[in-house]
Structures are given as C-alpha cells and as structure tokens.
N, C-alpha and C. Protein backbone atom coordinates (compact mmCIF):
# COMPACT_ATOMS: atom_id res chain seq x y z
N UNK A 1 224.36 173.99 -111.56
CA UNK A 1 225.74 174.29 -111.20
C UNK A 1 226.65 173.34 -111.95
N UNK A 2 227.79 173.85 -112.36
CA UNK A 2 228.71 173.03 -113.14
C UNK A 2 230.06 172.95 -112.45
N UNK A 3 230.83 171.98 -112.88
CA UNK A 3 232.19 171.80 -112.39
C UNK A 3 233.05 172.89 -113.03
N UNK A 4 233.67 173.75 -112.23
CA UNK A 4 234.41 174.90 -112.72
C UNK A 4 235.59 174.53 -113.62
N UNK A 5 236.23 173.41 -113.40
CA UNK A 5 237.42 173.06 -114.18
C UNK A 5 237.07 172.47 -115.54
N UNK A 6 235.96 171.78 -115.66
CA UNK A 6 235.62 171.15 -116.94
C UNK A 6 234.33 171.69 -117.53
N UNK A 7 233.61 172.54 -116.80
CA UNK A 7 232.34 173.10 -117.25
C UNK A 7 231.28 172.04 -117.52
N UNK A 8 231.44 170.87 -116.90
CA UNK A 8 230.46 169.80 -117.02
C UNK A 8 229.59 169.80 -115.76
N UNK A 9 228.36 169.31 -115.86
CA UNK A 9 227.51 169.24 -114.67
C UNK A 9 228.07 168.25 -113.65
N UNK A 10 227.84 168.54 -112.38
CA UNK A 10 228.25 167.63 -111.30
C UNK A 10 227.37 166.40 -111.29
N UNK A 11 227.93 165.31 -110.86
CA UNK A 11 227.15 164.10 -110.62
C UNK A 11 226.64 164.16 -109.19
N UNK A 12 225.43 163.68 -108.98
CA UNK A 12 224.83 163.66 -107.65
C UNK A 12 225.75 162.96 -106.66
N UNK A 13 226.36 161.87 -107.08
CA UNK A 13 227.23 161.09 -106.19
C UNK A 13 228.48 161.85 -105.77
N UNK A 14 228.83 162.94 -106.44
CA UNK A 14 230.00 163.73 -106.09
C UNK A 14 229.77 164.64 -104.89
N UNK A 15 228.51 164.99 -104.63
CA UNK A 15 228.25 165.93 -103.55
C UNK A 15 227.22 165.47 -102.53
N UNK A 16 226.46 164.46 -102.84
CA UNK A 16 225.39 164.02 -101.94
C UNK A 16 225.94 163.18 -100.79
N UNK A 17 225.36 163.39 -99.63
CA UNK A 17 225.67 162.56 -98.48
C UNK A 17 224.48 161.63 -98.29
N UNK A 18 224.67 160.37 -98.60
CA UNK A 18 223.59 159.39 -98.52
C UNK A 18 223.64 158.74 -97.13
N UNK A 19 222.55 158.84 -96.42
CA UNK A 19 222.48 158.22 -95.09
C UNK A 19 221.87 156.83 -95.24
N UNK A 20 222.57 155.87 -94.73
CA UNK A 20 222.07 154.51 -94.76
C UNK A 20 221.57 154.14 -93.37
N UNK A 21 220.85 153.05 -93.29
CA UNK A 21 220.38 152.59 -91.99
C UNK A 21 221.59 152.26 -91.14
N UNK A 22 221.54 152.71 -89.90
CA UNK A 22 222.67 152.48 -88.99
C UNK A 22 222.65 151.05 -88.47
N UNK A 23 223.81 150.43 -88.48
CA UNK A 23 223.94 149.06 -88.00
C UNK A 23 224.15 149.05 -86.49
N UNK A 24 223.80 147.94 -85.87
CA UNK A 24 224.09 147.75 -84.47
C UNK A 24 222.93 147.16 -83.71
N UNK A 25 223.28 146.51 -82.61
CA UNK A 25 222.26 145.93 -81.73
C UNK A 25 221.51 147.06 -81.04
N UNK A 26 220.21 146.94 -80.98
CA UNK A 26 219.37 147.99 -80.41
C UNK A 26 219.40 147.97 -78.88
N UNK A 27 219.57 149.14 -78.29
CA UNK A 27 219.44 149.32 -76.85
C UNK A 27 217.94 149.43 -76.57
N UNK A 28 217.43 148.66 -75.64
CA UNK A 28 215.99 148.66 -75.38
C UNK A 28 215.51 149.99 -74.79
N UNK A 29 216.31 150.60 -73.94
CA UNK A 29 215.94 151.87 -73.33
C UNK A 29 217.19 152.72 -73.20
N UNK A 30 217.11 153.96 -73.60
CA UNK A 30 218.30 154.82 -73.58
C UNK A 30 218.87 154.97 -72.17
N UNK A 31 218.06 154.74 -71.16
CA UNK A 31 218.57 154.83 -69.77
C UNK A 31 219.69 153.82 -69.51
N UNK A 32 219.78 152.76 -70.34
CA UNK A 32 220.85 151.76 -70.20
C UNK A 32 222.23 152.36 -70.45
N UNK A 33 222.29 153.45 -71.21
CA UNK A 33 223.59 154.02 -71.57
C UNK A 33 223.86 155.38 -70.94
N UNK A 34 222.97 155.84 -70.08
CA UNK A 34 223.20 157.12 -69.40
C UNK A 34 224.43 157.03 -68.51
N UNK A 35 225.16 158.12 -68.43
CA UNK A 35 226.33 158.26 -67.54
C UNK A 35 227.48 157.31 -67.88
N UNK A 36 227.52 156.86 -69.13
CA UNK A 36 228.63 156.00 -69.58
C UNK A 36 229.37 156.71 -70.70
N UNK A 37 230.69 156.73 -70.63
CA UNK A 37 231.47 157.31 -71.70
C UNK A 37 231.40 156.38 -72.91
N UNK A 38 230.99 156.91 -74.06
CA UNK A 38 230.79 156.12 -75.26
C UNK A 38 231.47 156.79 -76.45
N UNK A 39 231.72 156.00 -77.49
CA UNK A 39 232.26 156.52 -78.74
C UNK A 39 231.09 156.61 -79.72
N UNK A 40 230.65 157.82 -80.02
CA UNK A 40 229.53 158.02 -80.94
C UNK A 40 230.06 158.06 -82.36
N UNK A 41 229.46 157.23 -83.24
CA UNK A 41 229.99 157.07 -84.59
C UNK A 41 229.06 157.58 -85.69
N UNK A 42 227.78 157.77 -85.38
CA UNK A 42 226.86 158.24 -86.40
C UNK A 42 225.47 158.47 -85.83
N UNK A 43 224.61 159.09 -86.63
CA UNK A 43 223.23 159.32 -86.21
C UNK A 43 222.37 159.62 -87.42
N UNK A 44 221.09 159.44 -87.26
CA UNK A 44 220.11 159.90 -88.25
C UNK A 44 218.95 160.53 -87.49
N UNK A 45 218.37 161.56 -88.06
CA UNK A 45 217.19 162.20 -87.50
C UNK A 45 216.05 161.93 -88.46
N UNK A 46 214.96 161.40 -87.93
CA UNK A 46 213.82 161.05 -88.76
C UNK A 46 212.54 161.67 -88.23
N UNK A 47 211.57 161.78 -89.10
CA UNK A 47 210.26 162.26 -88.71
C UNK A 47 209.56 161.16 -87.92
N UNK A 48 208.96 161.55 -86.81
CA UNK A 48 208.31 160.58 -85.94
C UNK A 48 206.86 160.37 -86.34
N UNK A 49 206.38 159.15 -86.14
CA UNK A 49 204.98 158.83 -86.37
C UNK A 49 204.17 158.92 -85.08
N UNK A 50 204.87 159.17 -83.96
CA UNK A 50 204.25 159.24 -82.65
C UNK A 50 203.60 160.61 -82.47
N UNK A 51 202.39 160.61 -81.94
CA UNK A 51 201.69 161.86 -81.69
C UNK A 51 202.46 162.69 -80.66
N UNK A 52 202.45 164.00 -80.81
CA UNK A 52 203.13 164.95 -79.93
C UNK A 52 204.66 164.86 -79.99
N UNK A 53 205.18 164.29 -81.05
CA UNK A 53 206.64 164.15 -81.21
C UNK A 53 206.96 164.35 -82.69
N UNK A 54 207.68 165.43 -83.02
CA UNK A 54 207.98 165.73 -84.42
C UNK A 54 209.04 164.83 -85.02
N UNK A 55 210.12 164.61 -84.26
CA UNK A 55 211.24 163.84 -84.81
C UNK A 55 211.93 163.04 -83.71
N UNK A 56 212.73 162.09 -84.15
CA UNK A 56 213.52 161.29 -83.22
C UNK A 56 214.89 161.08 -83.83
N UNK A 57 215.84 160.70 -82.98
CA UNK A 57 217.21 160.47 -83.43
C UNK A 57 217.59 159.02 -83.16
N UNK A 58 218.28 158.43 -84.11
CA UNK A 58 218.91 157.13 -83.93
C UNK A 58 220.40 157.42 -83.77
N UNK A 59 220.95 156.98 -82.66
CA UNK A 59 222.35 157.26 -82.33
C UNK A 59 223.14 155.96 -82.38
N UNK A 60 224.23 155.96 -83.14
CA UNK A 60 225.09 154.78 -83.24
C UNK A 60 226.35 155.01 -82.40
N UNK A 61 226.76 153.97 -81.66
CA UNK A 61 227.90 154.13 -80.76
C UNK A 61 228.57 152.79 -80.50
N UNK A 62 229.74 152.89 -79.87
CA UNK A 62 230.47 151.74 -79.35
C UNK A 62 230.81 152.05 -77.90
N UNK A 63 230.93 151.01 -77.11
CA UNK A 63 231.33 151.21 -75.71
C UNK A 63 232.84 151.42 -75.59
N UNK A 64 233.60 150.82 -76.50
CA UNK A 64 235.04 151.06 -76.60
C UNK A 64 235.44 150.74 -78.03
N UNK A 65 236.71 150.93 -78.34
CA UNK A 65 237.16 150.77 -79.73
C UNK A 65 236.97 149.37 -80.29
N UNK A 66 236.92 148.35 -79.43
CA UNK A 66 236.82 146.97 -79.88
C UNK A 66 235.42 146.38 -79.75
N UNK A 67 234.49 147.11 -79.19
CA UNK A 67 233.14 146.57 -78.98
C UNK A 67 232.29 146.73 -80.24
N UNK A 68 231.24 145.91 -80.36
CA UNK A 68 230.36 146.00 -81.53
C UNK A 68 229.54 147.29 -81.52
N UNK A 69 229.09 147.67 -82.71
CA UNK A 69 228.22 148.83 -82.83
C UNK A 69 226.87 148.56 -82.19
N UNK A 70 226.30 149.60 -81.59
CA UNK A 70 224.96 149.53 -81.00
C UNK A 70 224.20 150.78 -81.42
N UNK A 71 222.89 150.77 -81.31
CA UNK A 71 222.08 151.94 -81.61
C UNK A 71 221.06 152.18 -80.51
N UNK A 72 220.75 153.46 -80.30
CA UNK A 72 219.74 153.87 -79.33
C UNK A 72 218.84 154.91 -79.99
N UNK A 73 217.61 155.00 -79.51
CA UNK A 73 216.62 155.91 -80.07
C UNK A 73 216.11 156.84 -78.98
N UNK A 74 215.87 158.11 -79.34
CA UNK A 74 215.28 159.05 -78.39
C UNK A 74 214.67 160.22 -79.17
N UNK A 75 213.71 160.87 -78.56
CA UNK A 75 213.10 162.08 -79.13
C UNK A 75 213.65 163.33 -78.43
N UNK A 76 214.71 163.21 -77.68
CA UNK A 76 215.30 164.34 -76.96
C UNK A 76 215.72 165.43 -77.94
N UNK A 77 215.07 166.59 -77.86
CA UNK A 77 215.40 167.69 -78.77
C UNK A 77 216.80 168.24 -78.48
N UNK A 78 217.22 168.19 -77.23
CA UNK A 78 218.56 168.66 -76.88
C UNK A 78 219.61 167.78 -77.56
N UNK A 79 219.45 166.46 -77.46
CA UNK A 79 220.41 165.55 -78.11
C UNK A 79 220.36 165.71 -79.63
N UNK A 80 219.17 165.84 -80.20
CA UNK A 80 219.05 166.02 -81.66
C UNK A 80 219.84 167.26 -82.07
N UNK A 81 219.61 168.37 -81.39
CA UNK A 81 220.30 169.62 -81.72
C UNK A 81 221.81 169.50 -81.55
N UNK A 82 222.27 168.82 -80.49
CA UNK A 82 223.70 168.67 -80.27
C UNK A 82 224.35 167.81 -81.35
N UNK A 83 223.73 166.70 -81.71
CA UNK A 83 224.32 165.84 -82.75
C UNK A 83 224.37 166.56 -84.09
N UNK A 84 223.34 167.31 -84.42
CA UNK A 84 223.36 168.08 -85.68
C UNK A 84 224.46 169.13 -85.64
N UNK A 85 224.58 169.84 -84.52
CA UNK A 85 225.58 170.90 -84.40
C UNK A 85 227.01 170.38 -84.50
N UNK A 86 227.25 169.17 -83.98
CA UNK A 86 228.61 168.63 -83.93
C UNK A 86 228.83 167.44 -84.86
N UNK A 87 227.99 167.33 -85.87
CA UNK A 87 228.09 166.22 -86.82
C UNK A 87 229.48 166.12 -87.45
N UNK A 88 230.10 167.25 -87.76
CA UNK A 88 231.42 167.23 -88.40
C UNK A 88 232.52 166.71 -87.49
N UNK A 89 232.25 166.58 -86.20
CA UNK A 89 233.25 166.09 -85.25
C UNK A 89 233.19 164.57 -85.06
N UNK A 90 232.19 163.91 -85.63
CA UNK A 90 232.06 162.45 -85.48
C UNK A 90 233.23 161.74 -86.10
N UNK A 91 233.71 160.65 -85.52
CA UNK A 91 233.30 160.09 -84.24
C UNK A 91 233.88 160.91 -83.09
N UNK A 92 233.15 160.93 -81.96
CA UNK A 92 233.63 161.60 -80.77
C UNK A 92 233.22 160.82 -79.52
N UNK A 93 233.94 161.09 -78.44
CA UNK A 93 233.66 160.43 -77.16
C UNK A 93 232.87 161.42 -76.30
N UNK A 94 231.78 160.93 -75.71
CA UNK A 94 230.95 161.77 -74.84
C UNK A 94 230.12 160.88 -73.93
N UNK A 95 229.43 161.51 -73.01
CA UNK A 95 228.53 160.84 -72.07
C UNK A 95 227.17 161.50 -72.18
N UNK A 96 226.11 160.69 -72.21
CA UNK A 96 224.75 161.24 -72.17
C UNK A 96 224.34 161.29 -70.71
N UNK A 97 224.00 162.49 -70.26
CA UNK A 97 223.56 162.68 -68.87
C UNK A 97 222.13 163.18 -68.87
N UNK A 98 221.40 162.80 -67.83
CA UNK A 98 220.05 163.32 -67.65
C UNK A 98 220.14 164.46 -66.65
N UNK A 99 219.71 165.63 -67.06
CA UNK A 99 219.73 166.83 -66.24
C UNK A 99 218.29 167.29 -66.10
N UNK A 100 217.75 167.18 -64.91
CA UNK A 100 216.34 167.47 -64.66
C UNK A 100 215.46 166.66 -65.61
N UNK A 101 214.80 167.31 -66.56
CA UNK A 101 213.86 166.59 -67.44
C UNK A 101 214.39 166.36 -68.85
N UNK A 102 215.66 166.65 -69.09
CA UNK A 102 216.19 166.46 -70.44
C UNK A 102 217.54 165.75 -70.40
N UNK A 103 217.97 165.26 -71.58
CA UNK A 103 219.25 164.59 -71.71
C UNK A 103 220.18 165.48 -72.51
N UNK A 104 221.47 165.41 -72.18
CA UNK A 104 222.46 166.24 -72.87
C UNK A 104 223.78 165.48 -72.96
N UNK A 105 224.59 165.86 -73.93
CA UNK A 105 225.95 165.32 -74.06
C UNK A 105 226.88 166.10 -73.15
N UNK A 106 227.81 165.39 -72.53
CA UNK A 106 228.84 166.06 -71.74
C UNK A 106 230.19 165.46 -72.08
C-alpha cells in the first residue's frame, strides 16, 4: 500500500500502534479494586502460560486524576472483551463488579 498523495510507501511508524509495557504499581489481587470507581488508562492482552487459560489482560488505572498509575491482572474473558470493544474510549471511568462467577465493567 502506498501513500495516495505522494505515491511513496508508508512507514511502519506512521500506522503501527506499538504497545509498551504498562507502568504502575501492581495490585496483588484484583479483588482489591472491585466496586471502586477508577480511571482506566490502558490495557494489554497477552497469551497466558497458565494451563486452561488462553489469555490474560493487564489493566492500567488510577484511583483519581492525581493518584499514581497502578496495574491489575486477570483472565476474565468478559473484561478482556469489554476492554477490546471500548479501547477507543480510553481513558474512561468505570467500576469492576463481580456478578455471580464473572467480573464486568459498569
């Protein structure tokens, strides 16, 4: 594919979205942040090395606008699907709730 205005090839850096490791203090257990309104700023989905688990998500957030960045990890497929679906809306404010056996954004 070429650049329509100059007929030159595109540079990878012009269109690629490079995901870097997310910064922030690690939350030991995602249950620490359940039912709290948070500002979600980024995420990455990675292939899991754990048996019976295909992928996991690293979620980056702040507790408020002035607090430091933190990260949490989970294999929740519902959360993975929601973050992927609403990636273009980041950053956004939401709460992670546990509903029966799964976690969801509200």
